[in-house]
Amino acid sequence: MPSVKNPNGPSKNRLAARAAKARKQNQKRTAGASKKSRVEKADTTRGARDGLLPTSGPNAALSSKKRRKLERKMGYALKRKMEAEGEVEMKDVSDEKSDQAAVDEQMAIDMENIS
């Protein structure tokens, strides 16, 4: 007589689904154990996996346009801070000196090529 599985037990699919669910819950629990910021902790409790950024909220990824705007604003803020502290941005030395140096260097190269 062929062996037949117990018809009252859970099917293979249900057993696999139960194991997968337990794995996911364990992963979430262990990921939430380390020290995190309030935002990361909220993301974890909401069900987001580590490394995935949400589409909204303070931890959401910025669009490239918004990122460029923020970088520009941060640059201006840094410049204002430096001016307030008294640091001045380095400006180019007069162009006449650099032009004269370039001409002298060119002349020296030409003299080497001639001899």
C-alpha atoms as a PDB file:
ATOM      1  CA  MET A   1       0.000   0.000   0.000  1.00  0.00           C
ATOM      2  CA  PRO A   2       1.475   3.411  -0.950  1.00  0.00           C
ATOM      3  CA  SER A   3       2.296   5.838   1.855  1.00  0.00           C
ATOM      4  CA  VAL A   4      -0.019   8.816   1.897  1.00  0.00           C
ATOM      5  CA  LYS A   5       0.643  12.053   3.721  1.00  0.00           C
ATOM      6  CA  ASN A   6      -1.579  12.893   6.674  1.00  0.00           C
ATOM      7  CA  PRO A   7      -4.485  14.856   5.138  1.00  0.00           C
ATOM      8  CA  ASN A   8      -5.005  16.829   8.352  1.00  0.00           C
ATOM      9  CA  GLY A   9      -1.497  18.396   8.385  1.00  0.00           C
ATOM     10  CA  PRO A  10      -0.462  21.650   6.678  1.00  0.00           C
ATOM     11  CA  SER A  11       0.535  21.487   3.037  1.00  0.00           C
ATOM     12  CA  LYS A  12       4.103  22.059   1.810  1.00  0.00           C
ATOM     13  CA  ASN A  13       3.143  25.517   0.586  1.00  0.00           C
ATOM     14  CA  ARG A  14       1.782  26.525   4.003  1.00  0.00           C
ATOM     15  CA  LEU A  15       4.900  25.182   5.759  1.00  0.00           C
ATOM     16  CA  ALA A  16       7.179  27.128   3.372  1.00  0.00           C
ATOM     17  CA  ALA A  17       5.115  30.304   3.825  1.00  0.00           C
ATOM     18  CA  ARG A  18       5.219  29.951   7.625  1.00  0.00           C
ATOM     19  CA  ALA A  19       9.012  29.508   7.565  1.00  0.00           C
ATOM     20  CA  ALA A  20       9.458  32.518   5.264  1.00  0.00           C
ATOM     21  CA  LYS A  21       7.280  34.660   7.509  1.00  0.00           C
ATOM     22  CA  ALA A  22       9.270  33.642  10.587  1.00  0.00           C
ATOM     23  CA  ARG A  23      12.530  34.425   8.756  1.00  0.00           C
ATOM     24  CA  LYS A  24      11.293  37.906   7.810  1.00  0.00           C
ATOM     25  CA  GLN A  25      10.122  38.661  11.349  1.00  0.00           C
ATOM     26  CA  ASN A  26      13.450  37.515  12.816  1.00  0.00           C
ATOM     27  CA  GLN A  27      15.314  39.687  10.320  1.00  0.00           C
ATOM     28  CA  LYS A  28      13.232  42.738  11.263  1.00  0.00           C
ATOM     29  CA  ARG A  29      13.684  42.083  14.979  1.00  0.00           C
ATOM     30  CA  THR A  30      17.478  41.702  14.747  1.00  0.00           C
ATOM     31  CA  ALA A  31      17.792  44.725  12.439  1.00  0.00           C
ATOM     32  CA  GLY A  32      15.857  46.890  14.914  1.00  0.00           C
ATOM     33  CA  ALA A  33      18.085  45.872  17.832  1.00  0.00           C
ATOM     34  CA  SER A  34      21.051  48.101  16.922  1.00  0.00           C
ATOM     35  CA  LYS A  35      21.064  51.805  17.817  1.00  0.00           C
ATOM     36  CA  LYS A  36      19.233  53.841  15.216  1.00  0.00           C
ATOM     37  CA  SER A  37      17.860  57.294  14.816  1.00  0.00           C
ATOM     38  CA  ARG A  38      14.202  57.977  15.427  1.00  0.00           C
ATOM     39  CA  VAL A  39      13.495  58.045  11.692  1.00  0.00           C
ATOM     40  CA  GLU A  40      15.248  54.720  11.016  1.00  0.00           C
ATOM     41  CA  LYS A  41      13.444  53.111  13.938  1.00  0.00           C
ATOM     42  CA  ALA A  42      10.093  54.339  12.601  1.00  0.00           C
ATOM     43  CA  ASP A  43      10.966  52.976   9.149  1.00  0.00           C
ATOM     44  CA  THR A  44      11.788  49.582  10.643  1.00  0.00           C
ATOM     45  CA  THR A  45       8.578  49.397  12.662  1.00  0.00           C
ATOM     46  CA  ARG A  46       6.657  50.385   9.545  1.00  0.00           C
ATOM     47  CA  GLY A  47       8.146  47.348   7.816  1.00  0.00           C
ATOM     48  CA  ALA A  48      10.826  48.870   5.595  1.00  0.00           C
ATOM     49  CA  ARG A  49      13.923  46.719   5.129  1.00  0.00           C
ATOM     50  CA  ASP A  50      17.428  48.058   5.793  1.00  0.00           C
ATOM     51  CA  GLY A  51      18.979  49.943   2.906  1.00  0.00           C
ATOM     52  CA  LEU A  52      15.690  50.840   1.232  1.00  0.00           C
ATOM     53  CA  LEU A  53      14.807  54.516   1.260  1.00  0.00           C
ATOM     54  CA  PRO A  54      11.178  55.512   1.705  1.00  0.00           C
ATOM     55  CA  THR A  55       9.345  57.530  -0.929  1.00  0.00           C
ATOM     56  CA  SER A  56       8.193  60.128   1.593  1.00  0.00           C
ATOM     57  CA  GLY A  57       9.201  61.530   4.955  1.00  0.00           C
ATOM     58  CA  PRO A  58      12.470  62.962   6.216  1.00  0.00           C
ATOM     59  CA  ASN A  59      14.520  59.969   5.074  1.00  0.00           C
ATOM     60  CA  ALA A  60      13.228  59.977   1.484  1.00  0.00           C
ATOM     61  CA  ALA A  61      15.641  60.265  -1.435  1.00  0.00           C
ATOM     62  CA  LEU A  62      15.872  63.729  -2.994  1.00  0.00           C
ATOM     63  CA  SER A  63      15.271  64.424  -6.641  1.00  0.00           C
ATOM     64  CA  SER A  64      18.362  65.559  -8.536  1.00  0.00           C
ATOM     65  CA  LYS A  65      16.883  69.048  -9.016  1.00  0.00           C
ATOM     66  CA  LYS A  66      16.181  69.472  -5.309  1.00  0.00           C
ATOM     67  CA  ARG A  67      19.638  68.061  -4.461  1.00  0.00           C
ATOM     68  CA  ARG A  68      21.335  70.645  -6.711  1.00  0.00           C
ATOM     69  CA  LYS A  69      19.292  73.450  -5.108  1.00  0.00           C
ATOM     70  CA  LEU A  70      20.246  72.286  -1.617  1.00  0.00           C
ATOM     71  CA  GLU A  71      23.932  72.033  -2.560  1.00  0.00           C
ATOM     72  CA  ARG A  72      23.806  75.582  -3.913  1.00  0.00           C
ATOM     73  CA  LYS A  73      22.121  76.856  -0.726  1.00  0.00           C
ATOM     74  CA  MET A  74      24.648  75.052   1.463  1.00  0.00           C
ATOM     75  CA  GLY A  75      27.487  76.584  -0.539  1.00  0.00           C
ATOM     76  CA  TYR A  76      26.086  80.070  -0.044  1.00  0.00           C
ATOM     77  CA  ALA A  77      25.637  79.409   3.680  1.00  0.00           C
ATOM     78  CA  LEU A  78      29.243  78.220   3.946  1.00  0.00           C
ATOM     79  CA  LYS A  79      30.443  81.326   2.118  1.00  0.00           C
ATOM     80  CA  ARG A  80      28.447  83.579   4.497  1.00  0.00           C
ATOM     81  CA  LYS A  81      29.879  81.728   7.487  1.00  0.00           C
ATOM     82  CA  MET A  82      33.451  82.129   6.192  1.00  0.00           C
ATOM     83  CA  GLU A  83      32.902  85.855   5.590  1.00  0.00           C
ATOM     84  CA  ALA A  84      31.488  86.238   9.103  1.00  0.00           C
ATOM     85  CA  GLU A  85      34.560  84.530  10.572  1.00  0.00           C
ATOM     86  CA  GLY A  86      36.826  86.806   8.555  1.00  0.00           C
ATOM     87  CA  GLU A  87      38.174  84.270   6.082  1.00  0.00           C
ATOM     88  CA  VAL A  88      38.334  85.633   2.556  1.00  0.00           C
ATOM     89  CA  GLU A  89      38.215  83.487  -0.555  1.00  0.00           C
ATOM     90  CA  MET A  90      41.481  83.374  -2.470  1.00  0.00           C
ATOM     91  CA  LYS A  91      41.326  85.358  -5.683  1.00  0.00           C
ATOM     92  CA  ASP A  92      43.498  84.925  -8.743  1.00  0.00           C
ATOM     93  CA  VAL A  93      46.699  86.918  -8.907  1.00  0.00           C
ATOM     94  CA  SER A  94      46.793  89.564 -11.616  1.00  0.00           C
ATOM     95  CA  ASP A  95      46.655  88.101 -15.093  1.00  0.00           C
ATOM     96  CA  GLU A  96      49.676  90.140 -16.265  1.00  0.00           C
ATOM     97  CA  LYS A  97      52.088  88.151 -14.107  1.00  0.00           C
ATOM     98  CA  SER A  98      50.699  84.803 -15.260  1.00  0.00           C
ATOM     99  CA  ASP A  99      50.767  85.950 -18.919  1.00  0.00           C
ATOM    100  CA  GLN A 100      54.372  87.092 -18.583  1.00  0.00           C
ATOM    101  CA  ALA A 101      55.379  83.798 -16.958  1.00  0.00           C
ATOM    102  CA  ALA A 102      53.695  81.850 -19.741  1.00  0.00           C
ATOM    103  CA  VAL A 103      55.494  83.907 -22.403  1.00  0.00           C
ATOM    104  CA  ASP A 104      58.877  83.368 -20.677  1.00  0.00           C
ATOM    105  CA  GLU A 105      58.258  79.638 -20.457  1.00  0.00           C
ATOM    106  CA  GLN A 106      57.289  79.470 -24.139  1.00  0.00           C
ATOM    107  CA  MET A 107      60.447  81.378 -25.097  1.00  0.00           C
ATOM    108  CA  ALA A 108      62.593  78.944 -23.106  1.00  0.00           C
ATOM    109  CA  ILE A 109      60.972  75.947 -24.848  1.00  0.00           C
ATOM    110  CA  ASP A 110      61.518  77.549 -28.252  1.00  0.00           C
ATOM    111  CA  MET A 111      65.187  78.183 -27.443  1.00  0.00           C
ATOM    112  CA  GLU A 112      65.668  74.508 -26.476  1.00  0.00           C
ATOM    113  CA  ASN A 113      64.062  73.369 -29.734  1.00  0.00           C
ATOM    114  CA  ILE A 114      66.307  75.631 -31.815  1.00  0.00           C
ATOM    115  CA  SER A 115      69.599  74.462 -30.286  1.00  0.00           C
END
